[in-house]
C-alpha atoms as a PDB file:
ATOM      1  CA  MET A   1     -56.753 -46.391  29.976  1.00  0.00           C
ATOM      2  CA  ILE A   2     -55.234 -43.432  28.120  1.00  0.00           C
ATOM      3  CA  LYS A   3     -53.864 -44.285  24.699  1.00  0.00           C
ATOM      4  CA  SER A   4     -50.348 -43.145  23.825  1.00  0.00           C
ATOM      5  CA  ILE A   5     -51.513 -40.583  21.267  1.00  0.00           C
ATOM      6  CA  GLU A   6     -53.958 -39.044  23.758  1.00  0.00           C
ATOM      7  CA  LEU A   7     -51.222 -38.839  26.355  1.00  0.00           C
ATOM      8  CA  LEU A   8     -48.950 -37.058  23.872  1.00  0.00           C
ATOM      9  CA  LYS A   9     -51.700 -34.507  23.166  1.00  0.00           C
ATOM     10  CA  ILE A  10     -52.085 -33.902  26.918  1.00  0.00           C
ATOM     11  CA  ILE A  11     -48.342 -33.300  27.258  1.00  0.00           C
ATOM     12  CA  ILE A  12     -47.639 -31.418  24.033  1.00  0.00           C
ATOM     13  CA  LYS A  13     -50.503 -28.895  24.025  1.00  0.00           C
ATOM     14  CA  PRO A  14     -49.435 -27.042  27.229  1.00  0.00           C
ATOM     15  CA  LEU A  15     -45.791 -27.324  26.190  1.00  0.00           C
ATOM     16  CA  TYR A  16     -46.568 -25.768  22.810  1.00  0.00           C
ATOM     17  CA  LYS A  17     -48.472 -22.926  24.490  1.00  0.00           C
ATOM     18  CA  SER A  18     -45.531 -22.335  26.841  1.00  0.00           C
ATOM     19  CA  ILE A  19     -42.975 -22.236  24.044  1.00  0.00           C
ATOM     20  CA  LYS A  20     -45.212 -19.957  21.969  1.00  0.00           C
ATOM     21  CA  LEU A  21     -45.480 -17.510  24.894  1.00  0.00           C
ATOM     22  CA  LEU A  22     -41.747 -17.563  25.604  1.00  0.00           C
ATOM     23  CA  LEU A  23     -41.034 -16.691  21.977  1.00  0.00           C
ATOM     24  CA  SER A  24     -43.690 -13.976  21.914  1.00  0.00           C
ATOM     25  CA  ASP A  25     -43.176 -10.209  21.790  1.00  0.00           C
ATOM     26  CA  LYS A  26     -44.621  -9.996  25.327  1.00  0.00           C
ATOM     27  CA  VAL A  27     -41.575 -11.818  26.685  1.00  0.00           C
ATOM     28  CA  LYS A  28     -39.043 -10.363  24.238  1.00  0.00           C
ATOM     29  CA  SER A  29     -39.995  -6.812  25.207  1.00  0.00           C
ATOM     30  CA  LYS A  30     -39.160  -7.538  28.867  1.00  0.00           C
ATOM     31  CA  ILE A  31     -35.877  -9.345  28.363  1.00  0.00           C
ATOM     32  CA  SER A  32     -34.358  -7.410  25.432  1.00  0.00           C
ATOM     33  CA  ASN A  33     -31.480  -9.296  23.801  1.00  0.00           C
ATOM     34  CA  GLN A  34     -29.733 -10.345  27.004  1.00  0.00           C
ATOM     35  CA  SER A  35     -29.809 -13.658  28.833  1.00  0.00           C
ATOM     36  CA  LYS A  36     -32.401 -13.518  31.589  1.00  0.00           C
ATOM     37  CA  LEU A  37     -33.753 -16.017  34.049  1.00  0.00           C
ATOM     38  CA  LEU A  38     -37.539 -16.325  33.860  1.00  0.00           C
ATOM     39  CA  VAL A  39     -39.806 -17.979  36.389  1.00  0.00           C
ATOM     40  CA  TYR A  40     -42.737 -19.151  34.327  1.00  0.00           C
ATOM     41  CA  ASN A  41     -46.118 -20.359  35.611  1.00  0.00           C
ATOM     42  CA  ASP A  42     -47.427 -22.791  33.025  1.00  0.00           C
ATOM     43  CA  ARG A  43     -50.954 -22.734  34.473  1.00  0.00           C
ATOM     44  CA  THR A  44     -51.456 -18.991  34.148  1.00  0.00           C
ATOM     45  CA  ASN A  45     -48.859 -18.149  31.463  1.00  0.00           C
ATOM     46  CA  ASP A  46     -47.482 -15.485  33.791  1.00  0.00           C
ATOM     47  CA  PHE A  47     -43.762 -14.995  34.150  1.00  0.00           C
ATOM     48  CA  LYS A  48     -41.301 -12.747  35.890  1.00  0.00           C
ATOM     49  CA  VAL A  49     -37.652 -11.943  35.331  1.00  0.00           C
ATOM     50  CA  ILE A  50     -35.521 -12.721  38.386  1.00  0.00           C
ATOM     51  CA  GLY A  51     -31.961 -11.811  39.237  1.00  0.00           C
ATOM     52  CA  ASN A  52     -32.000  -9.032  36.680  1.00  0.00           C
ATOM     53  CA  ASN A  53     -29.378  -6.904  38.416  1.00  0.00           C
ATOM     54  CA  THR A  54     -27.711  -9.567  40.545  1.00  0.00           C
ATOM     55  CA  LEU A  55     -27.417 -12.876  38.752  1.00  0.00           C
ATOM     56  CA  PHE A  56     -24.702 -12.925  36.128  1.00  0.00           C
ATOM     57  CA  GLY A  57     -24.130 -15.280  33.270  1.00  0.00           C
ATOM     58  CA  ASN A  58     -26.209 -17.955  31.697  1.00  0.00           C
ATOM     59  CA  GLY A  59     -26.084 -21.432  33.190  1.00  0.00           C
ATOM     60  CA  HIS A  60     -27.926 -24.388  34.672  1.00  0.00           C
ATOM     61  CA  GLN A  61     -30.380 -23.967  37.528  1.00  0.00           C
ATOM     62  CA  SER A  62     -31.936 -26.355  40.052  1.00  0.00           C
ATOM     63  CA  TRP A  63     -34.556 -25.293  42.574  1.00  0.00           C
ATOM     64  CA  LEU A  64     -33.692 -26.149  46.148  1.00  0.00           C
ATOM     65  CA  ASN A  65     -36.271 -27.745  48.441  1.00  0.00           C
ATOM     66  CA  ASP A  66     -37.569 -24.411  49.776  1.00  0.00           C
ATOM     67  CA  LYS A  67     -38.512 -23.352  46.194  1.00  0.00           C
ATOM     68  CA  ARG A  68     -37.007 -19.970  46.984  1.00  0.00           C
ATOM     69  CA  ARG A  69     -33.357 -20.555  46.157  1.00  0.00           C
ATOM     70  CA  LEU A  70     -31.702 -21.729  42.973  1.00  0.00           C
ATOM     71  CA  LEU A  71     -28.457 -23.635  42.684  1.00  0.00           C
ATOM     72  CA  ASN A  72     -26.819 -22.014  39.673  1.00  0.00           C
ATOM     73  CA  ASP A  73     -23.660 -22.206  37.597  1.00  0.00           C
ATOM     74  CA  THR A  74     -22.347 -20.066  34.762  1.00  0.00           C
ATOM     75  CA  TYR A  75     -20.608 -20.724  31.505  1.00  0.00           C
ATOM     76  CA  GLN A  76     -16.924 -19.792  31.441  1.00  0.00           C
ATOM     77  CA  ASP A  77     -15.988 -16.179  32.087  1.00  0.00           C
ATOM     78  CA  SER A  78     -13.201 -14.215  30.354  1.00  0.00           C
ATOM     79  CA  GLU A  79     -10.616 -15.990  32.548  1.00  0.00           C
ATOM     80  CA  ASN A  80     -12.060 -19.459  31.763  1.00  0.00           C
ATOM     81  CA  TYR A  81     -13.717 -20.028  35.138  1.00  0.00           C
ATOM     82  CA  ARG A  82     -17.180 -21.431  35.730  1.00  0.00           C
ATOM     83  CA  HIS A  83     -18.866 -20.039  38.862  1.00  0.00           C
ATOM     84  CA  LEU A  84     -21.081 -21.963  41.288  1.00  0.00           C
ATOM     85  CA  MET A  85     -23.566 -20.115  43.489  1.00  0.00           C
ATOM     86  CA  ILE A  86     -26.940 -20.186  45.181  1.00  0.00           C
ATOM     87  CA  PHE A  87     -29.319 -17.436  44.185  1.00  0.00           C
ATOM     88  CA  ASP A  88     -32.002 -16.278  46.655  1.00  0.00           C
ATOM     89  CA  THR A  89     -35.014 -15.185  44.587  1.00  0.00           C
ATOM     90  CA  LYS A  90     -36.660 -13.307  47.488  1.00  0.00           C
ATOM     91  CA  LYS A  91     -33.607 -11.289  48.553  1.00  0.00           C
ATOM     92  CA  ASP A  92     -32.181 -10.954  45.016  1.00  0.00           C
ATOM     93  CA  THR A  93     -28.750 -11.984  46.323  1.00  0.00           C
ATOM     94  CA  PHE A  94     -26.409 -14.873  45.734  1.00  0.00           C
ATOM     95  CA  GLU A  95     -24.038 -16.881  47.900  1.00  0.00           C
ATOM     96  CA  PHE A  96     -20.834 -17.652  46.031  1.00  0.00           C
ATOM     97  CA  ILE A  97     -19.718 -21.292  46.492  1.00  0.00           C
ATOM     98  CA  GLY A  98     -16.695 -21.494  44.236  1.00  0.00           C
ATOM     99  CA  LYS A  99     -15.158 -21.144  40.808  1.00  0.00           C
ATOM    100  CA  PHE A 100     -13.658 -23.883  38.693  1.00  0.00           C
ATOM    101  CA  ALA A 101     -11.076 -23.535  35.951  1.00  0.00           C
ATOM    102  CA  SER A 102     -12.327 -24.749  32.637  1.00  0.00           C
ATOM    103  CA  VAL A 103      -9.665 -25.895  30.202  1.00  0.00           C
ATOM    104  CA  TYR A 104     -11.865 -27.307  27.427  1.00  0.00           C
ATOM    105  CA  ASN A 105     -14.143 -24.433  26.449  1.00  0.00           C
ATOM    106  CA  ASP A 106     -14.133 -24.470  22.681  1.00  0.00           C
ATOM    107  CA  SER A 107     -14.252 -28.170  21.950  1.00  0.00           C
ATOM    108  CA  GLY A 108     -16.580 -31.132  21.994  1.00  0.00           C
ATOM    109  CA  TYR A 109     -15.031 -32.035  25.343  1.00  0.00           C
ATOM    110  CA  ARG A 110     -16.409 -28.880  26.974  1.00  0.00           C
ATOM    111  CA  CYS A 111     -17.554 -29.530  30.526  1.00  0.00           C
ATOM    112  CA  ASP A 112     -20.224 -27.388  32.171  1.00  0.00           C
ATOM    113  CA  LEU A 113     -20.791 -27.813  35.909  1.00  0.00           C
ATOM    114  CA  HIS A 114     -24.469 -28.924  35.774  1.00  0.00           C
ATOM    115  CA  PRO A 115     -24.830 -28.646  39.586  1.00  0.00           C
ATOM    116  CA  ARG A 116     -27.326 -30.814  41.445  1.00  0.00           C
ATOM    117  CA  PRO A 117     -28.042 -30.855  45.183  1.00  0.00           C
ATOM    118  CA  SER A 118     -28.311 -34.096  47.134  1.00  0.00           C
ATOM    119  CA  GLY A 119     -31.740 -34.895  48.572  1.00  0.00           C
ATOM    120  CA  ASN A 120     -30.811 -33.536  51.999  1.00  0.00           C
ATOM    121  CA  GLU A 121     -28.931 -30.605  50.393  1.00  0.00           C
ATOM    122  CA  LYS A 122     -25.734 -31.302  52.343  1.00  0.00           C
ATOM    123  CA  LYS A 123     -23.805 -32.029  49.160  1.00  0.00           C
ATOM    124  CA  ILE A 124     -23.614 -30.600  45.662  1.00  0.00           C
ATOM    125  CA  VAL A 125     -22.498 -32.724  42.736  1.00  0.00           C
ATOM    126  CA  ILE A 126     -20.899 -31.067  39.711  1.00  0.00           C
ATOM    127  CA  ASP A 127     -19.244 -32.138  36.467  1.00  0.00           C
ATOM    128  CA  SER A 128     -15.759 -30.741  36.123  1.00  0.00           C
ATOM    129  CA  ALA A 129     -12.650 -31.027  33.999  1.00  0.00           C
ATOM    130  CA  HIS A 130     -10.542 -28.582  36.010  1.00  0.00           C
ATOM    131  CA  THR A 131      -8.023 -31.382  36.720  1.00  0.00           C
ATOM    132  CA  HIS A 132      -7.721 -32.001  32.943  1.00  0.00           C
ATOM    133  CA  LYS A 133      -9.853 -35.111  33.345  1.00  0.00           C
ATOM    134  CA  ARG A 134     -13.632 -35.125  33.278  1.00  0.00           C
ATOM    135  CA  LYS A 135     -14.983 -36.128  36.710  1.00  0.00           C
ATOM    136  CA  LEU A 136     -17.949 -35.865  39.020  1.00  0.00           C
ATOM    137  CA  ILE A 137     -17.037 -33.801  42.057  1.00  0.00           C
ATOM    138  CA  VAL A 138     -18.970 -33.983  45.345  1.00  0.00           C
ATOM    139  CA  ILE A 139     -18.845 -30.789  47.402  1.00  0.00           C
ATOM    140  CA  ASN A 140     -19.785 -30.960  51.084  1.00  0.00           C
ATOM    141  CA  VAL A 141     -21.617 -27.817  52.148  1.00  0.00           C
ATOM    142  CA  ASP A 142     -22.546 -26.495  55.567  1.00  0.00           C
ATOM    143  CA  ASN A 143     -26.330 -26.495  55.463  1.00  0.00           C
ATOM    144  CA  SER A 144     -26.653 -23.707  58.017  1.00  0.00           C
ATOM    145  CA  GLN A 145     -24.544 -21.260  56.023  1.00  0.00           C
ATOM    146  CA  ILE A 146     -25.327 -21.956  52.387  1.00  0.00           C
ATOM    147  CA  LEU A 147     -28.188 -24.372  51.854  1.00  0.00           C
END
């Protein structure tokens, strides 16, 4: 049986190496001072920048089942909208799903979308306050067109 402290060492050592690499000059030289999305292989310490010229904004990503596409949102834009999209890492394109007004951007009540697909990817669940009340919203999507 593995003791708790040994288990922590097993978990923390690779995590520490990963964080050290991501903060290194090797990574900084490739991403400059802009937000970039990195796909990082923790076994080899290799990484690549994806969506460099296509994906806009910083947000929350979830891999879809095919491990090729990312469900992605953005923080609010200059008009206070948060955008929801699916980014195709092979084609370097995105499918726009929608945008949601965000009325609480500069407060503790701020509400990012945090999108998550359902297991069968026929629905997307988001957090939203676009109705002036914080709610979970379920979006039905046509699997053949988007997911």
